[in-house]
Amino acid sequence: MATGQAQPVKIILDTDMDGDCDDAGALAVLHALADNGEAEILAVGTCGRNPWSPLTIDAINTYYGRAGIPVGAAKGNAPLRPSRYTQAVAERCPHALHSAEQAHDAVELYRRLLSQAEDRSVTLVTIGYHTNVANLLRSGATGGAAPGLDLVARKVRQWVCMGGNFIGSPARDDLSLGNANFLIDPAATLYAISHWPGRILFAGREVGSVPSGLQAGRRLAETPPDNPVRIAYECYFGGEAKDRHVADPVTVLCAVRGLRDYWDLHDTGYMDLKPDMSFEWKAGGDGRQAYLLKKKLPGGQPNDRYVEGACEALMVQPPARRKP
């Protein structure tokens, strides 16, 4: 295997798959990593109630030859946000789900998969808001399985979370750069981060989102016209696939490949998160929280183009399992 890992990284991906097209790009990256033998996709869930989002996830899974991957959706009280692309993808691409109602309850799905998993074997990746994570932690013991908090503590190796702006030293976020993944369901974010019983690795916006300068997506125009990820980018930009920030693809890449020669790590201290979603990174803590740092080249410049290239190559990698 390319990473030298003995086993593929077992991934549950929780995504909003509505507002921004880079969620589709991130799912493409994850499928390419699975094709390479680097990842095993246990499930993909959406944390919102956009009715086309689960169908878009299912369409991308189907395109990559993995129609059997279970798709979850937030049920009950969850954010409902519009999308420029999900309806078009769902209407133009094959998928097994007929409606969002057919998707699994995301929390029930995650609980079932965790209860079946080996201890500390699953990586949870979130590239959206944290509604499902908070509800998972709040869930009680059902069907012979432990409460959600205990399941997470026992079964999850780490949570890789896209969100936050880690600016300055010590890092702080005054929200001047925005932070949608935290702000859309702030009560869920506060609960999830405050109650998470294990390791959290934050992929901040400065390593992949708008302030970072990293972009990818234009080369999706080289992929087949029926590629649902290409369609997502085309619809997002109004007709032509263009480059978009890589906040979510970077998060998936890190969750599977680790730091490698892509990033450095700040692994001391903890996030002191406020109810308004501003935070300061403070000294102390139990050593279970960390955030990514851009890695410098020998000349002192950030290795932005290198990380961009890794994300883009995976985004446009042809599916290995797609039926002709």
C-alpha atoms as a PDB file:
ATOM      1  CA  MET A   1       0.000   0.000   0.000  1.00  0.00           C
ATOM      2  CA  ALA A   2       1.101   3.529  -0.732  1.00  0.00           C
ATOM      3  CA  THR A   3       1.001   4.618   2.917  1.00  0.00           C
ATOM      4  CA  GLY A   4       2.721   1.572   4.363  1.00  0.00           C
ATOM      5  CA  GLN A   5      -0.238   0.966   6.679  1.00  0.00           C
ATOM      6  CA  ALA A   6      -1.058  -2.630   7.527  1.00  0.00           C
ATOM      7  CA  GLN A   7      -4.802  -2.084   7.202  1.00  0.00           C
ATOM      8  CA  PRO A   8      -7.045   0.475   5.488  1.00  0.00           C
ATOM      9  CA  VAL A   9      -8.290   3.260   7.748  1.00  0.00           C
ATOM     10  CA  LYS A  10     -11.929   2.620   8.655  1.00  0.00           C
ATOM     11  CA  ILE A  11     -13.884   5.819   8.022  1.00  0.00           C
ATOM     12  CA  ILE A  12     -17.315   7.122   8.928  1.00  0.00           C
ATOM     13  CA  LEU A  13     -17.758  10.361   6.980  1.00  0.00           C
ATOM     14  CA  ASP A  14     -20.288  12.905   8.239  1.00  0.00           C
ATOM     15  CA  THR A  15     -20.905  15.698   5.727  1.00  0.00           C
ATOM     16  CA  ASP A  16     -23.388  18.503   5.160  1.00  0.00           C
ATOM     17  CA  MET A  17     -23.291  17.915   1.356  1.00  0.00           C
ATOM     18  CA  ASP A  18     -25.380  20.974   0.647  1.00  0.00           C
ATOM     19  CA  GLY A  19     -23.854  24.455   0.761  1.00  0.00           C
ATOM     20  CA  ASP A  20     -20.401  23.941  -0.728  1.00  0.00           C
ATOM     21  CA  CYS A  21     -19.229  21.685  -3.530  1.00  0.00           C
ATOM     22  CA  ASP A  22     -15.995  20.675  -1.806  1.00  0.00           C
ATOM     23  CA  ASP A  23     -17.984  18.090   0.177  1.00  0.00           C
ATOM     24  CA  ALA A  24     -18.484  16.258  -3.119  1.00  0.00           C
ATOM     25  CA  GLY A  25     -14.779  16.671  -3.830  1.00  0.00           C
ATOM     26  CA  ALA A  26     -13.944  15.233  -0.415  1.00  0.00           C
ATOM     27  CA  LEU A  27     -16.110  12.173  -1.030  1.00  0.00           C
ATOM     28  CA  ALA A  28     -14.318  11.674  -4.360  1.00  0.00           C
ATOM     29  CA  VAL A  29     -10.985  11.824  -2.515  1.00  0.00           C
ATOM     30  CA  LEU A  30     -12.222   9.241  -0.015  1.00  0.00           C
ATOM     31  CA  HIS A  31     -13.350   6.850  -2.753  1.00  0.00           C
ATOM     32  CA  ALA A  32     -10.013   7.200  -4.538  1.00  0.00           C
ATOM     33  CA  LEU A  33      -8.199   6.403  -1.300  1.00  0.00           C
ATOM     34  CA  ALA A  34     -10.451   3.367  -0.884  1.00  0.00           C
ATOM     35  CA  ASP A  35      -9.632   2.304  -4.454  1.00  0.00           C
ATOM     36  CA  ASN A  36      -5.949   2.563  -3.503  1.00  0.00           C
ATOM     37  CA  GLY A  37      -6.463   0.274  -0.520  1.00  0.00           C
ATOM     38  CA  GLU A  38      -5.810   3.082   1.956  1.00  0.00           C
ATOM     39  CA  ALA A  39      -9.340   3.491   3.352  1.00  0.00           C
ATOM     40  CA  GLU A  40     -12.451   1.468   4.066  1.00  0.00           C
ATOM     41  CA  ILE A  41     -15.673   3.486   3.922  1.00  0.00           C
ATOM     42  CA  LEU A  42     -18.047   2.209   6.601  1.00  0.00           C
ATOM     43  CA  ALA A  43     -20.776   4.797   6.047  1.00  0.00           C
ATOM     44  CA  VAL A  44     -21.458   8.300   4.799  1.00  0.00           C
ATOM     45  CA  GLY A  45     -24.044  10.438   6.542  1.00  0.00           C
ATOM     46  CA  THR A  46     -25.410  13.917   6.064  1.00  0.00           C
ATOM     47  CA  CYS A  47     -25.854  16.191   9.056  1.00  0.00           C
ATOM     48  CA  GLY A  48     -28.666  18.293   7.577  1.00  0.00           C
ATOM     49  CA  ARG A  49     -32.150  17.889   6.145  1.00  0.00           C
ATOM     50  CA  ASN A  50     -31.648  18.959   2.534  1.00  0.00           C
ATOM     51  CA  PRO A  51     -33.770  16.264   0.832  1.00  0.00           C
ATOM     52  CA  TRP A  52     -31.343  15.837  -2.062  1.00  0.00           C
ATOM     53  CA  SER A  53     -28.168  15.420  -0.002  1.00  0.00           C
ATOM     54  CA  PRO A  54     -28.513  11.685   0.814  1.00  0.00           C
ATOM     55  CA  LEU A  55     -29.314  10.992  -2.845  1.00  0.00           C
ATOM     56  CA  THR A  56     -26.221  12.919  -3.937  1.00  0.00           C
ATOM     57  CA  ILE A  57     -24.075  10.892  -1.543  1.00  0.00           C
ATOM     58  CA  ASP A  58     -25.625   7.699  -2.886  1.00  0.00           C
ATOM     59  CA  ALA A  59     -25.029   8.837  -6.483  1.00  0.00           C
ATOM     60  CA  ILE A  60     -21.329   9.448  -5.804  1.00  0.00           C
ATOM     61  CA  ASN A  61     -21.009   6.096  -4.035  1.00  0.00           C
ATOM     62  CA  THR A  62     -22.712   4.420  -6.997  1.00  0.00           C
ATOM     63  CA  TYR A  63     -20.428   6.135  -9.516  1.00  0.00           C
ATOM     64  CA  TYR A  64     -17.417   4.747  -7.667  1.00  0.00           C
ATOM     65  CA  GLY A  65     -18.872   1.234  -7.625  1.00  0.00           C
ATOM     66  CA  ARG A  66     -19.832   1.250  -3.942  1.00  0.00           C
ATOM     67  CA  ALA A  67     -23.608   1.467  -4.041  1.00  0.00           C
ATOM     68  CA  GLY A  68     -23.765  -0.783  -0.986  1.00  0.00           C
ATOM     69  CA  ILE A  69     -22.258   1.766   1.402  1.00  0.00           C
ATOM     70  CA  PRO A  70     -24.984   2.712   3.899  1.00  0.00           C
ATOM     71  CA  VAL A  71     -26.105   6.330   3.717  1.00  0.00           C
ATOM     72  CA  GLY A  72     -27.339   8.112   6.820  1.00  0.00           C
ATOM     73  CA  ALA A  73     -29.283  11.322   7.255  1.00  0.00           C
ATOM     74  CA  ALA A  74     -30.038  13.549  10.214  1.00  0.00           C
ATOM     75  CA  LYS A  75     -33.543  12.931  11.461  1.00  0.00           C
ATOM     76  CA  GLY A  76     -35.705  15.249  13.499  1.00  0.00           C
ATOM     77  CA  ASN A  77     -34.470  18.710  14.411  1.00  0.00           C
ATOM     78  CA  ALA A  78     -31.506  19.424  12.132  1.00  0.00           C
ATOM     79  CA  PRO A  79     -30.491  22.347   9.896  1.00  0.00           C
ATOM     80  CA  LEU A  80     -32.185  22.644   6.513  1.00  0.00           C
ATOM     81  CA  ARG A  81     -30.038  24.494   3.989  1.00  0.00           C
ATOM     82  CA  PRO A  82     -30.335  25.055   0.234  1.00  0.00           C
ATOM     83  CA  SER A  83     -27.854  23.722  -2.292  1.00  0.00           C
ATOM     84  CA  ARG A  84     -26.813  24.769  -5.777  1.00  0.00           C
ATOM     85  CA  TYR A  85     -26.027  21.235  -6.877  1.00  0.00           C
ATOM     86  CA  THR A  86     -27.628  18.382  -4.936  1.00  0.00           C
ATOM     87  CA  GLN A  87     -30.935  18.306  -6.795  1.00  0.00           C
ATOM     88  CA  ALA A  88     -29.187  18.293 -10.176  1.00  0.00           C
ATOM     89  CA  VAL A  89     -26.868  15.469  -9.141  1.00  0.00           C
ATOM     90  CA  ALA A  90     -29.757  13.433  -7.740  1.00  0.00           C
ATOM     91  CA  GLU A  91     -31.875  13.927 -10.859  1.00  0.00           C
ATOM     92  CA  ARG A  92     -29.120  13.278 -13.401  1.00  0.00           C
ATOM     93  CA  CYS A  93     -27.147  10.427 -11.818  1.00  0.00           C
ATOM     94  CA  PRO A  94     -28.064   6.828 -10.920  1.00  0.00           C
ATOM     95  CA  HIS A  95     -28.584   5.989  -7.256  1.00  0.00           C
ATOM     96  CA  ALA A  96     -30.430   3.382  -5.223  1.00  0.00           C
ATOM     97  CA  LEU A  97     -32.210   5.655  -2.745  1.00  0.00           C
ATOM     98  CA  HIS A  98     -35.566   6.944  -3.942  1.00  0.00           C
ATOM     99  CA  SER A  99     -35.895   9.622  -1.265  1.00  0.00           C
ATOM    100  CA  ALA A 100     -34.168  11.019   1.796  1.00  0.00           C
ATOM    101  CA  GLU A 101     -36.690   9.163   3.945  1.00  0.00           C
ATOM    102  CA  GLN A 102     -35.123   5.889   2.799  1.00  0.00           C
ATOM    103  CA  ALA A 103     -31.739   6.855   4.236  1.00  0.00           C
ATOM    104  CA  HIS A 104     -30.791   5.392   7.594  1.00  0.00           C
ATOM    105  CA  ASP A 105     -31.118   7.502  10.700  1.00  0.00           C
ATOM    106  CA  ALA A 106     -27.497   8.681  10.875  1.00  0.00           C
ATOM    107  CA  VAL A 107     -27.155   8.304  14.636  1.00  0.00           C
ATOM    108  CA  GLU A 108     -28.666   4.817  14.630  1.00  0.00           C
ATOM    109  CA  LEU A 109     -26.392   3.859  11.725  1.00  0.00           C
ATOM    110  CA  TYR A 110     -23.262   5.155  13.450  1.00  0.00           C
ATOM    111  CA  ARG A 111     -24.232   3.400  16.681  1.00  0.00           C
ATOM    112  CA  ARG A 112     -24.716   0.085  14.891  1.00  0.00           C
ATOM    113  CA  LEU A 113     -21.406   0.324  13.049  1.00  0.00           C
ATOM    114  CA  LEU A 114     -19.501   1.325  16.173  1.00  0.00           C
ATOM    115  CA  SER A 115     -21.038  -1.472  18.221  1.00  0.00           C
ATOM    116  CA  GLN A 116     -19.832  -3.955  15.583  1.00  0.00           C
ATOM    117  CA  ALA A 117     -16.345  -2.463  15.278  1.00  0.00           C
ATOM    118  CA  GLU A 118     -13.186  -3.479  17.062  1.00  0.00           C
ATOM    119  CA  ASP A 119     -12.013  -1.226  19.860  1.00  0.00           C
ATOM    120  CA  ARG A 120     -10.335   2.023  18.743  1.00  0.00           C
ATOM    121  CA  SER A 121     -10.621   1.048  15.091  1.00  0.00           C
ATOM    122  CA  VAL A 122     -12.863   3.743  13.559  1.00  0.00           C
ATOM    123  CA  THR A 123     -11.982   7.275  12.474  1.00  0.00           C
ATOM    124  CA  LEU A 124     -14.886   9.717  12.438  1.00  0.00           C
ATOM    125  CA  VAL A 125     -14.450  12.508   9.889  1.00  0.00           C
ATOM    126  CA  THR A 126     -16.749  15.534   9.989  1.00  0.00           C
ATOM    127  CA  ILE A 127     -16.798  18.041   7.137  1.00  0.00           C
ATOM    128  CA  GLY A 128     -20.023  19.760   8.107  1.00  0.00           C
ATOM    129  CA  TYR A 129     -21.811  20.882  11.235  1.00  0.00           C
ATOM    130  CA  HIS A 130     -21.993  18.668  14.291  1.00  0.00           C
ATOM    131  CA  THR A 131     -25.653  17.801  14.733  1.00  0.00           C
ATOM    132  CA  ASN A 132     -25.125  14.068  14.303  1.00  0.00           C
ATOM    133  CA  VAL A 133     -22.037  14.005  16.525  1.00  0.00           C
ATOM    134  CA  ALA A 134     -23.843  15.690  19.404  1.00  0.00           C
ATOM    135  CA  ASN A 135     -26.844  13.397  19.009  1.00  0.00           C
ATOM    136  CA  LEU A 136     -24.566  10.359  18.903  1.00  0.00           C
ATOM    137  CA  LEU A 137     -22.946  11.384  22.186  1.00  0.00           C
ATOM    138  CA  ARG A 138     -26.359  12.023  23.760  1.00  0.00           C
ATOM    139  CA  SER A 139     -27.849   8.718  22.608  1.00  0.00           C
ATOM    140  CA  GLY A 140     -28.750   6.202  25.269  1.00  0.00           C
ATOM    141  CA  ALA A 141     -28.200   2.475  25.441  1.00  0.00           C
ATOM    142  CA  THR A 142     -30.446   0.720  22.917  1.00  0.00           C
ATOM    143  CA  GLY A 143     -30.594  -2.719  21.349  1.00  0.00           C
ATOM    144  CA  GLY A 144     -28.009  -4.097  23.734  1.00  0.00           C
ATOM    145  CA  ALA A 145     -25.424  -1.483  22.696  1.00  0.00           C
ATOM    146  CA  ALA A 146     -23.796   0.918  25.135  1.00  0.00           C
ATOM    147  CA  PRO A 147     -24.707   4.615  25.388  1.00  0.00           C
ATOM    148  CA  GLY A 148     -23.243   6.770  22.649  1.00  0.00           C
ATOM    149  CA  LEU A 149     -20.589   8.359  24.845  1.00  0.00           C
ATOM    150  CA  ASP A 150     -19.301   4.934  25.882  1.00  0.00           C
ATOM    151  CA  LEU A 151     -19.406   3.608  22.318  1.00  0.00           C
ATOM    152  CA  VAL A 152     -17.325   6.528  21.092  1.00  0.00           C
ATOM    153  CA  ALA A 153     -14.812   6.229  23.928  1.00  0.00           C
ATOM    154  CA  ARG A 154     -14.316   2.550  23.228  1.00  0.00           C
ATOM    155  CA  LYS A 155     -14.570   2.274  19.451  1.00  0.00           C
ATOM    156  CA  VAL A 156     -13.386   5.549  17.889  1.00  0.00           C
ATOM    157  CA  ARG A 157      -9.669   6.032  17.339  1.00  0.00           C
ATOM    158  CA  GLN A 158      -9.979   9.747  16.631  1.00  0.00           C
ATOM    159  CA  TRP A 159     -12.324  12.437  15.391  1.00  0.00           C
ATOM    160  CA  VAL A 160     -10.905  14.496  12.513  1.00  0.00           C
ATOM    161  CA  CYS A 161     -12.926  17.703  12.445  1.00  0.00           C
ATOM    162  CA  MET A 162     -12.911  20.332   9.696  1.00  0.00           C
ATOM    163  CA  GLY A 163     -13.516  23.674  11.372  1.00  0.00           C
ATOM    164  CA  GLY A 164     -12.065  26.617  13.226  1.00  0.00           C
ATOM    165  CA  ASN A 165      -9.532  29.319  12.412  1.00  0.00           C
ATOM    166  CA  PHE A 166      -6.290  28.726  14.283  1.00  0.00           C
ATOM    167  CA  ILE A 167      -4.694  32.138  13.887  1.00  0.00           C
ATOM    168  CA  GLY A 168      -1.786  33.481  15.905  1.00  0.00           C
ATOM    169  CA  SER A 169       0.171  32.065  18.813  1.00  0.00           C
ATOM    170  CA  PRO A 170      -1.590  31.066  20.940  1.00  0.00           C
ATOM    171  CA  ALA A 171      -4.247  30.414  18.319  1.00  0.00           C
ATOM    172  CA  ARG A 172      -7.585  32.135  18.627  1.00  0.00           C
ATOM    173  CA  ASP A 173     -10.696  32.534  16.483  1.00  0.00           C
ATOM    174  CA  ASP A 174     -12.717  35.754  16.715  1.00  0.00           C
ATOM    175  CA  LEU A 175     -14.972  34.587  13.836  1.00  0.00           C
ATOM    176  CA  SER A 176     -13.854  37.448  11.583  1.00  0.00           C
ATOM    177  CA  LEU A 177     -12.976  34.863   8.915  1.00  0.00           C
ATOM    178  CA  GLY A 178     -16.221  32.930   9.325  1.00  0.00           C
ATOM    179  CA  ASN A 179     -16.600  29.373  10.557  1.00  0.00           C
ATOM    180  CA  ALA A 180     -19.744  27.839   9.064  1.00  0.00           C
ATOM    181  CA  ASN A 181     -19.215  24.310  10.355  1.00  0.00           C
ATOM    182  CA  PHE A 182     -19.260  25.587  13.934  1.00  0.00           C
ATOM    183  CA  LEU A 183     -21.862  28.332  13.506  1.00  0.00           C
ATOM    184  CA  ILE A 184     -24.698  26.558  11.674  1.00  0.00           C
ATOM    185  CA  ASP A 185     -25.579  24.432  14.717  1.00  0.00           C
ATOM    186  CA  PRO A 186     -23.552  26.067  17.495  1.00  0.00           C
ATOM    187  CA  ALA A 187     -25.266  24.252  20.354  1.00  0.00           C
ATOM    188  CA  ALA A 188     -24.355  20.910  18.771  1.00  0.00           C
ATOM    189  CA  THR A 189     -20.765  22.033  18.179  1.00  0.00           C
ATOM    190  CA  LEU A 190     -20.338  23.166  21.772  1.00  0.00           C
ATOM    191  CA  TYR A 191     -21.797  19.937  23.120  1.00  0.00           C
ATOM    192  CA  ALA A 192     -19.823  17.669  20.784  1.00  0.00           C
ATOM    193  CA  ILE A 193     -16.419  19.250  21.384  1.00  0.00           C
ATOM    194  CA  SER A 194     -16.993  19.691  25.118  1.00  0.00           C
ATOM    195  CA  HIS A 195     -18.143  16.103  25.662  1.00  0.00           C
ATOM    196  CA  TRP A 196     -15.985  14.183  23.177  1.00  0.00           C
ATOM    197  CA  PRO A 197     -14.206  11.489  25.221  1.00  0.00           C
ATOM    198  CA  GLY A 198     -11.221  10.891  22.938  1.00  0.00           C
ATOM    199  CA  ARG A 199      -8.815  12.522  20.526  1.00  0.00           C
ATOM    200  CA  ILE A 200      -9.876  15.401  18.257  1.00  0.00           C
ATOM    201  CA  LEU A 201      -7.695  16.574  15.386  1.00  0.00           C
ATOM    202  CA  PHE A 202      -8.865  19.890  13.928  1.00  0.00           C
ATOM    203  CA  ALA A 203      -8.218  20.762  10.292  1.00  0.00           C
ATOM    204  CA  GLY A 204      -8.620  24.519  10.469  1.00  0.00           C
ATOM    205  CA  ARG A 205      -9.724  26.764   7.653  1.00  0.00           C
ATOM    206  CA  GLU A 206      -6.229  28.202   7.299  1.00  0.00           C
ATOM    207  CA  VAL A 207      -4.874  24.870   6.001  1.00  0.00           C
ATOM    208  CA  GLY A 208      -7.507  24.303   3.311  1.00  0.00           C
ATOM    209  CA  SER A 209     -10.329  26.834   3.171  1.00  0.00           C
ATOM    210  CA  VAL A 210     -10.608  30.338   1.763  1.00  0.00           C
ATOM    211  CA  PRO A 211      -7.809  31.977   3.823  1.00  0.00           C
ATOM    212  CA  SER A 212      -5.372  29.182   2.914  1.00  0.00           C
ATOM    213  CA  GLY A 213      -5.046  29.873  -0.808  1.00  0.00           C
ATOM    214  CA  LEU A 214      -5.384  26.164  -1.664  1.00  0.00           C
ATOM    215  CA  GLN A 215      -7.801  25.255  -4.470  1.00  0.00           C
ATOM    216  CA  ALA A 216      -8.758  22.339  -6.701  1.00  0.00           C
ATOM    217  CA  GLY A 217     -11.635  21.243  -8.910  1.00  0.00           C
ATOM    218  CA  ARG A 218     -11.010  22.698 -12.347  1.00  0.00           C
ATOM    219  CA  ARG A 219      -9.555  19.410 -13.598  1.00  0.00           C
ATOM    220  CA  LEU A 220     -12.865  17.648 -12.950  1.00  0.00           C
ATOM    221  CA  ALA A 221     -13.705  18.875 -16.465  1.00  0.00           C
ATOM    222  CA  GLU A 222     -11.321  16.132 -17.660  1.00  0.00           C
ATOM    223  CA  THR A 223     -13.497  13.416 -16.087  1.00  0.00           C
ATOM    224  CA  PRO A 224     -16.587  11.846 -17.732  1.00  0.00           C
ATOM    225  CA  PRO A 225     -19.613  14.160 -18.106  1.00  0.00           C
ATOM    226  CA  ASP A 226     -21.728  11.819 -15.964  1.00  0.00           C
ATOM    227  CA  ASN A 227     -19.346  12.063 -13.000  1.00  0.00           C
ATOM    228  CA  PRO A 228     -21.599  13.344 -10.186  1.00  0.00           C
ATOM    229  CA  VAL A 229     -18.678  15.183  -8.580  1.00  0.00           C
ATOM    230  CA  ARG A 230     -18.008  17.029 -11.827  1.00  0.00           C
ATOM    231  CA  ILE A 231     -21.729  17.852 -12.041  1.00  0.00           C
ATOM    232  CA  ALA A 232     -21.663  19.173  -8.467  1.00  0.00           C
ATOM    233  CA  TYR A 233     -18.825  21.578  -9.273  1.00  0.00           C
ATOM    234  CA  GLU A 234     -20.407  22.627 -12.568  1.00  0.00           C
ATOM    235  CA  CYS A 235     -23.714  23.424 -10.886  1.00  0.00           C
ATOM    236  CA  TYR A 236     -22.044  25.197  -7.989  1.00  0.00           C
ATOM    237  CA  PHE A 237     -20.240  27.506 -10.418  1.00  0.00           C
ATOM    238  CA  GLY A 238     -23.138  27.886 -12.830  1.00  0.00           C
ATOM    239  CA  GLY A 239     -21.983  25.719 -15.721  1.00  0.00           C
ATOM    240  CA  GLU A 240     -18.232  25.115 -15.626  1.00  0.00           C
ATOM    241  CA  ALA A 241     -16.150  23.194 -13.098  1.00  0.00           C
ATOM    242  CA  LYS A 242     -13.745  25.620 -11.451  1.00  0.00           C
ATOM    243  CA  ASP A 243     -11.263  25.521  -8.611  1.00  0.00           C
ATOM    244  CA  ARG A 244     -12.717  25.716  -5.114  1.00  0.00           C
ATOM    245  CA  HIS A 245     -11.036  25.658  -1.722  1.00  0.00           C
ATOM    246  CA  VAL A 246     -10.057  22.211  -0.429  1.00  0.00           C
ATOM    247  CA  ALA A 247     -11.049  22.417   3.236  1.00  0.00           C
ATOM    248  CA  ASP A 248     -12.993  19.154   3.114  1.00  0.00           C
ATOM    249  CA  PRO A 249     -10.680  17.191   0.776  1.00  0.00           C
ATOM    250  CA  VAL A 250      -7.721  18.144   3.003  1.00  0.00           C
ATOM    251  CA  THR A 251      -9.571  16.848   6.067  1.00  0.00           C
ATOM    252  CA  VAL A 252     -10.287  13.495   4.429  1.00  0.00           C
ATOM    253  CA  LEU A 253      -6.720  13.234   3.146  1.00  0.00           C
ATOM    254  CA  CYS A 254      -5.320  13.826   6.625  1.00  0.00           C
ATOM    255  CA  ALA A 255      -7.742  11.380   8.249  1.00  0.00           C
ATOM    256  CA  VAL A 256      -6.527   8.594   5.968  1.00  0.00           C
ATOM    257  CA  ARG A 257      -2.860   9.358   5.300  1.00  0.00           C
ATOM    258  CA  GLY A 258      -1.947  11.229   8.461  1.00  0.00           C
ATOM    259  CA  LEU A 259       0.550  14.070   8.524  1.00  0.00           C
ATOM    260  CA  ARG A 260       3.082  12.538   6.117  1.00  0.00           C
ATOM    261  CA  ASP A 261       4.997  15.361   4.459  1.00  0.00           C
ATOM    262  CA  TYR A 262       1.826  17.432   4.030  1.00  0.00           C
ATOM    263  CA  TRP A 263       1.423  19.092   7.450  1.00  0.00           C
ATOM    264  CA  ASP A 264       2.905  19.706  10.863  1.00  0.00           C
ATOM    265  CA  LEU A 265       0.973  19.408  14.114  1.00  0.00           C
ATOM    266  CA  HIS A 266       0.318  21.558  17.161  1.00  0.00           C
ATOM    267  CA  ASP A 267      -0.449  18.909  19.748  1.00  0.00           C
ATOM    268  CA  THR A 268      -0.307  20.679  23.099  1.00  0.00           C
ATOM    269  CA  GLY A 269      -3.191  22.537  24.713  1.00  0.00           C
ATOM    270  CA  TYR A 270      -6.915  22.546  24.066  1.00  0.00           C
ATOM    271  CA  MET A 271      -9.734  24.546  22.486  1.00  0.00           C
ATOM    272  CA  ASP A 272     -11.555  26.768  24.974  1.00  0.00           C
ATOM    273  CA  LEU A 273     -14.749  27.104  22.940  1.00  0.00           C
ATOM    274  CA  LYS A 274     -17.339  29.762  23.814  1.00  0.00           C
ATOM    275  CA  PRO A 275     -21.101  29.539  23.153  1.00  0.00           C
ATOM    276  CA  ASP A 276     -20.765  32.112  20.342  1.00  0.00           C
ATOM    277  CA  MET A 277     -18.199  29.741  18.695  1.00  0.00           C
ATOM    278  CA  SER A 278     -15.195  31.987  19.247  1.00  0.00           C
ATOM    279  CA  PHE A 279     -12.322  30.229  20.962  1.00  0.00           C
ATOM    280  CA  GLU A 280      -8.830  30.490  22.347  1.00  0.00           C
ATOM    281  CA  TRP A 281      -6.280  27.697  22.314  1.00  0.00           C
ATOM    282  CA  LYS A 282      -5.076  27.362  25.880  1.00  0.00           C
ATOM    283  CA  ALA A 283      -2.186  25.564  27.513  1.00  0.00           C
ATOM    284  CA  GLY A 284      -2.869  22.455  29.522  1.00  0.00           C
ATOM    285  CA  GLY A 285      -5.587  19.931  28.884  1.00  0.00           C
ATOM    286  CA  ASP A 286      -5.194  16.187  28.659  1.00  0.00           C
ATOM    287  CA  GLY A 287      -3.268  16.028  25.377  1.00  0.00           C
ATOM    288  CA  ARG A 288      -6.229  14.773  23.362  1.00  0.00           C
ATOM    289  CA  GLN A 289      -6.702  17.811  21.115  1.00  0.00           C
ATOM    290  CA  ALA A 290      -4.481  19.033  18.281  1.00  0.00           C
ATOM    291  CA  TYR A 291      -4.659  21.071  15.085  1.00  0.00           C
ATOM    292  CA  LEU A 292      -2.903  20.984  11.728  1.00  0.00           C
ATOM    293  CA  LEU A 293      -0.241  23.458  10.671  1.00  0.00           C
ATOM    294  CA  LYS A 294       0.953  24.194   7.169  1.00  0.00           C
ATOM    295  CA  LYS A 295       4.297  22.566   6.511  1.00  0.00           C
ATOM    296  CA  LYS A 296       7.112  24.730   5.211  1.00  0.00           C
ATOM    297  CA  LEU A 297       9.388  23.920   2.307  1.00  0.00           C
ATOM    298  CA  PRO A 298      13.172  24.184   2.846  1.00  0.00           C
ATOM    299  CA  GLY A 299      13.059  27.772   1.579  1.00  0.00           C
ATOM    300  CA  GLY A 300      10.405  28.720   4.119  1.00  0.00           C
ATOM    301  CA  GLN A 301       7.417  28.831   1.762  1.00  0.00           C
ATOM    302  CA  PRO A 302       4.312  26.755   2.546  1.00  0.00           C
ATOM    303  CA  ASN A 303       3.894  23.573   0.503  1.00  0.00           C
ATOM    304  CA  ASP A 304       0.475  24.648  -0.799  1.00  0.00           C
ATOM    305  CA  ARG A 305       0.892  23.425  -4.370  1.00  0.00           C
ATOM    306  CA  TYR A 306       2.032  20.003  -3.153  1.00  0.00           C
ATOM    307  CA  VAL A 307      -1.058  19.511  -0.974  1.00  0.00           C
ATOM    308  CA  GLU A 308      -3.297  20.884  -3.736  1.00  0.00           C
ATOM    309  CA  GLY A 309      -1.793  18.411  -6.167  1.00  0.00           C
ATOM    310  CA  ALA A 310      -2.404  15.467  -3.848  1.00  0.00           C
ATOM    311  CA  CYS A 311      -6.062  16.432  -3.398  1.00  0.00           C
ATOM    312  CA  GLU A 312      -6.662  17.119  -7.072  1.00  0.00           C
ATOM    313  CA  ALA A 313      -5.007  13.900  -8.249  1.00  0.00           C
ATOM    314  CA  LEU A 314      -7.347  11.906  -6.019  1.00  0.00           C
ATOM    315  CA  MET A 315     -10.409  13.939  -7.036  1.00  0.00           C
ATOM    316  CA  VAL A 316      -9.897  13.120 -10.720  1.00  0.00           C
ATOM    317  CA  GLN A 317      -8.586   9.567 -10.290  1.00  0.00           C
ATOM    318  CA  PRO A 318     -10.808   7.248 -12.377  1.00  0.00           C
ATOM    319  CA  PRO A 319     -12.987   4.904 -10.308  1.00  0.00           C
ATOM    320  CA  ALA A 320     -11.449   1.448 -10.072  1.00  0.00           C
ATOM    321  CA  ARG A 321     -14.727  -0.383  -9.488  1.00  0.00           C
ATOM    322  CA  ARG A 322     -17.101   1.401 -11.835  1.00  0.00           C
ATOM    323  CA  LYS A 323     -18.941  -0.867 -14.238  1.00  0.00           C
ATOM    324  CA  PRO A 324     -18.603   0.179 -17.906  1.00  0.00           C
END
